[in-house]
């Protein structure tokens, strides 16, 4: 039996999305927050145990900030385009 690629495993043999993919699509913000939280935990654990250099840990924290700041930044920029400063998150 040939090994299927990740796209086929996610979409299924008939091309329809898997239950997991439908769940993630329904709760996109939760998926982003979960991924960022796991990356934050991993970065913190590796930095606390001196498994990675300080510069790499800071890079990990920057990535977490970018992932978590994506939705608020888009909201802010959308408000600025309409001529309003939206600081309501």
N, C-alpha and C. Protein backbone atom coordinates (compact mmCIF):
# COMPACT_ATOMS: atom_id res chain seq x y z
N UNK A 1 0.84 -1.18 0.00
CA UNK A 1 0.00 0.00 0.00
C UNK A 1 0.89 1.25 0.00
N UNK A 2 0.71 2.17 -0.97
CA UNK A 2 1.55 3.36 -1.03
C UNK A 2 1.24 4.33 0.11
N UNK A 3 2.26 5.06 0.53
CA UNK A 3 2.10 6.04 1.59
C UNK A 3 1.43 7.29 1.02
N UNK A 4 0.43 7.79 1.72
CA UNK A 4 -0.26 8.98 1.27
C UNK A 4 0.45 10.23 1.80
N UNK A 5 0.38 11.32 1.04
CA UNK A 5 0.96 12.60 1.46
C UNK A 5 0.09 13.25 2.51
N UNK A 6 0.60 14.32 3.12
CA UNK A 6 -0.16 14.97 4.19
C UNK A 6 -1.44 15.60 3.66
N UNK A 7 -1.42 16.09 2.41
CA UNK A 7 -2.65 16.68 1.86
C UNK A 7 -3.75 15.63 1.76
N UNK A 8 -3.39 14.44 1.31
CA UNK A 8 -4.39 13.38 1.18
C UNK A 8 -4.89 12.93 2.54
N UNK A 9 -4.00 12.92 3.54
CA UNK A 9 -4.44 12.53 4.88
C UNK A 9 -5.37 13.57 5.48
N UNK A 10 -5.10 14.86 5.21
CA UNK A 10 -5.94 15.92 5.77
C UNK A 10 -7.25 16.02 5.01
N UNK A 11 -7.19 15.99 3.68
CA UNK A 11 -8.40 16.14 2.90
C UNK A 11 -9.19 14.84 2.76
N UNK A 12 -8.53 13.72 2.93
CA UNK A 12 -9.21 12.45 2.76
C UNK A 12 -9.13 11.99 1.32
N UNK A 13 -9.45 10.75 1.10
CA UNK A 13 -9.34 10.17 -0.24
C UNK A 13 -10.32 10.80 -1.21
N UNK A 14 -11.47 11.26 -0.71
CA UNK A 14 -12.49 11.82 -1.59
C UNK A 14 -12.35 13.32 -1.80
N UNK A 15 -11.29 13.95 -1.22
CA UNK A 15 -11.06 15.37 -1.41
C UNK A 15 -11.81 16.28 -0.45
N UNK A 16 -12.59 15.70 0.44
CA UNK A 16 -13.31 16.51 1.44
C UNK A 16 -12.44 16.67 2.67
N UNK A 17 -12.56 17.81 3.38
CA UNK A 17 -11.73 18.03 4.57
C UNK A 17 -12.03 17.02 5.67
N UNK A 18 -10.98 16.67 6.42
CA UNK A 18 -11.13 15.74 7.53
C UNK A 18 -11.85 16.44 8.68
N UNK A 19 -12.37 15.68 9.65
CA UNK A 19 -13.02 16.29 10.81
C UNK A 19 -12.10 17.24 11.58
N UNK A 20 -10.81 16.89 11.67
CA UNK A 20 -9.86 17.75 12.39
C UNK A 20 -9.70 19.08 11.65
N UNK A 21 -9.56 19.04 10.34
CA UNK A 21 -9.41 20.26 9.56
C UNK A 21 -10.66 21.12 9.64
N UNK A 22 -11.84 20.52 9.64
CA UNK A 22 -13.09 21.28 9.79
C UNK A 22 -13.15 21.93 11.16
N UNK A 23 -12.69 21.24 12.21
CA UNK A 23 -12.69 21.79 13.56
C UNK A 23 -11.75 22.99 13.65
N UNK A 24 -10.55 22.86 13.08
CA UNK A 24 -9.59 23.97 13.10
C UNK A 24 -10.15 25.15 12.31
N UNK A 25 -10.79 24.90 11.17
CA UNK A 25 -11.35 25.99 10.37
C UNK A 25 -12.47 26.71 11.12
N UNK A 26 -13.24 25.98 11.91
CA UNK A 26 -14.32 26.60 12.68
C UNK A 26 -13.81 27.44 13.84
N UNK A 27 -12.67 27.05 14.40
CA UNK A 27 -12.11 27.73 15.58
C UNK A 27 -10.70 28.21 15.28
N UNK A 28 -10.57 29.06 14.28
CA UNK A 28 -9.25 29.47 13.81
C UNK A 28 -8.46 30.22 14.88
N UNK A 29 -9.12 31.13 15.61
CA UNK A 29 -8.41 31.89 16.65
C UNK A 29 -7.87 30.97 17.73
N UNK A 30 -8.66 29.97 18.10
CA UNK A 30 -8.22 29.01 19.11
C UNK A 30 -7.02 28.21 18.61
N UNK A 31 -7.03 27.85 17.35
CA UNK A 31 -5.90 27.11 16.78
C UNK A 31 -4.63 27.96 16.79
N UNK A 32 -4.75 29.25 16.42
CA UNK A 32 -3.59 30.15 16.45
C UNK A 32 -3.08 30.30 17.88
N UNK A 33 -3.98 30.51 18.84
CA UNK A 33 -3.58 30.70 20.23
C UNK A 33 -2.94 29.44 20.80
N UNK A 34 -3.47 28.28 20.45
CA UNK A 34 -2.90 27.02 20.93
C UNK A 34 -1.49 26.82 20.36
N UNK A 35 -1.34 27.07 19.08
CA UNK A 35 -0.02 26.93 18.47
C UNK A 35 0.99 27.90 19.07
N UNK A 36 0.57 29.14 19.29
CA UNK A 36 1.47 30.13 19.89
C UNK A 36 1.81 29.75 21.33
N UNK A 37 0.83 29.25 22.06
CA UNK A 37 1.09 28.84 23.45
C UNK A 37 2.06 27.68 23.52
N UNK A 38 1.92 26.73 22.62
CA UNK A 38 2.85 25.60 22.60
C UNK A 38 4.26 26.05 22.22
N UNK A 39 4.35 26.96 21.25
CA UNK A 39 5.66 27.49 20.87
C UNK A 39 6.28 28.29 22.02
N UNK A 40 5.47 29.05 22.73
CA UNK A 40 5.97 29.81 23.88
C UNK A 40 6.48 28.86 24.96
N UNK A 41 5.72 27.82 25.25
CA UNK A 41 6.14 26.85 26.27
C UNK A 41 7.44 26.15 25.85
N UNK A 42 7.52 25.73 24.60
CA UNK A 42 8.72 25.06 24.11
C UNK A 42 9.93 25.98 24.17
N UNK A 43 9.75 27.23 23.73
CA UNK A 43 10.86 28.19 23.77
C UNK A 43 11.31 28.43 25.20
N UNK A 44 10.35 28.61 26.10
CA UNK A 44 10.69 28.87 27.49
C UNK A 44 11.43 27.68 28.11
N UNK A 45 10.92 26.46 27.85
CA UNK A 45 11.58 25.27 28.40
C UNK A 45 13.01 25.12 27.88
N UNK A 46 13.20 25.31 26.59
CA UNK A 46 14.53 25.19 26.01
C UNK A 46 15.46 26.28 26.52
N UNK A 47 14.95 27.49 26.70
CA UNK A 47 15.78 28.58 27.21
C UNK A 47 16.10 28.38 28.69
N UNK A 48 15.13 27.89 29.46
CA UNK A 48 15.34 27.69 30.90
C UNK A 48 16.36 26.59 31.19
N UNK A 49 16.44 25.62 30.30
CA UNK A 49 17.39 24.53 30.49
C UNK A 49 18.68 24.73 29.71
N UNK A 50 18.85 25.93 29.15
CA UNK A 50 20.04 26.29 28.38
C UNK A 50 20.30 25.34 27.21
N UNK A 51 19.23 24.88 26.58
CA UNK A 51 19.36 24.01 25.42
C UNK A 51 19.54 24.79 24.11
N UNK A 52 19.17 26.08 24.14
CA UNK A 52 19.31 26.91 22.95
C UNK A 52 19.99 28.22 23.36
N UNK A 53 20.68 28.87 22.42
CA UNK A 53 21.32 30.15 22.74
C UNK A 53 20.27 31.24 23.02
N UNK A 54 20.70 32.28 23.70
CA UNK A 54 19.80 33.38 24.06
C UNK A 54 19.18 34.02 22.82
N UNK A 55 19.96 34.19 21.77
CA UNK A 55 19.44 34.80 20.55
C UNK A 55 18.33 33.95 19.93
N UNK A 56 18.47 32.63 19.96
CA UNK A 56 17.43 31.75 19.43
C UNK A 56 16.16 31.84 20.28
N UNK A 57 16.32 31.94 21.60
CA UNK A 57 15.15 32.07 22.47
C UNK A 57 14.42 33.37 22.19
N UNK A 58 15.18 34.44 22.02
CA UNK A 58 14.54 35.72 21.70
C UNK A 58 13.81 35.65 20.36
N UNK A 59 14.40 34.95 19.41
CA UNK A 59 13.73 34.75 18.12
C UNK A 59 12.42 33.99 18.28
N UNK A 60 12.43 32.98 19.15
CA UNK A 60 11.21 32.23 19.42
C UNK A 60 10.14 33.11 20.03
N UNK A 61 10.54 33.99 20.96
CA UNK A 61 9.59 34.90 21.58
C UNK A 61 9.03 35.91 20.58
N UNK A 62 9.87 36.35 19.64
CA UNK A 62 9.40 37.26 18.59
C UNK A 62 8.36 36.57 17.71
N UNK A 63 8.62 35.32 17.36
CA UNK A 63 7.66 34.56 16.53
C UNK A 63 6.33 34.43 17.28
N UNK A 64 6.38 34.13 18.57
CA UNK A 64 5.14 34.03 19.37
C UNK A 64 4.41 35.37 19.35
N UNK A 65 5.15 36.46 19.51
CA UNK A 65 4.52 37.79 19.47
C UNK A 65 3.87 38.08 18.14
N UNK A 66 4.52 37.68 17.05
CA UNK A 66 3.94 37.89 15.73
C UNK A 66 2.68 37.05 15.53
N UNK A 67 2.72 35.81 15.98
CA UNK A 67 1.56 34.92 15.83
C UNK A 67 0.39 35.44 16.66
N UNK A 68 0.67 35.81 17.91
CA UNK A 68 -0.40 36.29 18.79
C UNK A 68 -0.87 37.69 18.42
N UNK A 69 0.01 38.49 17.84
CA UNK A 69 -0.36 39.86 17.50
C UNK A 69 -0.99 40.01 16.14
N UNK A 70 -1.13 38.92 15.40
CA UNK A 70 -1.67 38.97 14.05
C UNK A 70 -3.09 39.52 14.02
N UNK A 71 -4.01 38.93 14.75
CA UNK A 71 -5.42 39.36 14.73
C UNK A 71 -5.59 40.77 15.29
N UNK A 72 -4.99 41.12 16.44
CA UNK A 72 -5.15 42.50 16.91
C UNK A 72 -4.57 43.54 15.95
N UNK A 73 -3.46 43.21 15.31
CA UNK A 73 -2.86 44.15 14.37
C UNK A 73 -3.75 44.34 13.14
N UNK A 74 -4.32 43.25 12.64
CA UNK A 74 -5.23 43.38 11.50
C UNK A 74 -6.45 44.21 11.87
N UNK A 75 -6.96 44.04 13.08
CA UNK A 75 -8.11 44.81 13.57
C UNK A 75 -7.74 46.30 13.64
N UNK A 76 -6.58 46.59 14.20
CA UNK A 76 -6.13 47.97 14.32
C UNK A 76 -5.94 48.61 12.95
N UNK A 77 -5.28 47.90 12.03
CA UNK A 77 -5.05 48.44 10.70
C UNK A 77 -6.36 48.66 9.93
N UNK A 78 -7.30 47.74 10.11
CA UNK A 78 -8.61 47.91 9.47
C UNK A 78 -9.32 49.16 9.97
N UNK A 79 -9.23 49.42 11.26
CA UNK A 79 -9.83 50.63 11.82
C UNK A 79 -9.14 51.89 11.33
N UNK A 80 -7.81 51.84 11.23
CA UNK A 80 -7.07 53.00 10.74
C UNK A 80 -7.42 53.31 9.29
N UNK A 81 -7.66 52.26 8.50
CA UNK A 81 -8.07 52.48 7.10
C UNK A 81 -9.42 53.18 7.02
N UNK A 82 -10.29 52.92 8.02
CA UNK A 82 -11.60 53.58 8.06
C UNK A 82 -11.54 54.91 8.79
N UNK A 83 -10.35 55.33 9.21
CA UNK A 83 -10.21 56.62 9.86
C UNK A 83 -10.47 56.61 11.35
N UNK A 84 -10.45 55.43 11.99
CA UNK A 84 -10.68 55.33 13.43
C UNK A 84 -9.53 54.59 14.07
N UNK A 85 -9.21 54.98 15.28
CA UNK A 85 -8.19 54.29 16.06
C UNK A 85 -8.91 53.33 16.99
N UNK A 86 -8.84 52.04 16.70
CA UNK A 86 -9.55 51.03 17.46
C UNK A 86 -8.61 50.34 18.45
N UNK A 87 -8.74 50.67 19.70
CA UNK A 87 -7.94 50.04 20.77
C UNK A 87 -8.88 49.30 21.70
N UNK A 88 -9.77 48.49 21.14
CA UNK A 88 -10.82 47.86 21.94
C UNK A 88 -10.65 46.34 22.07
N UNK A 89 -9.46 45.85 21.91
CA UNK A 89 -9.26 44.40 22.00
C UNK A 89 -8.86 44.05 23.41
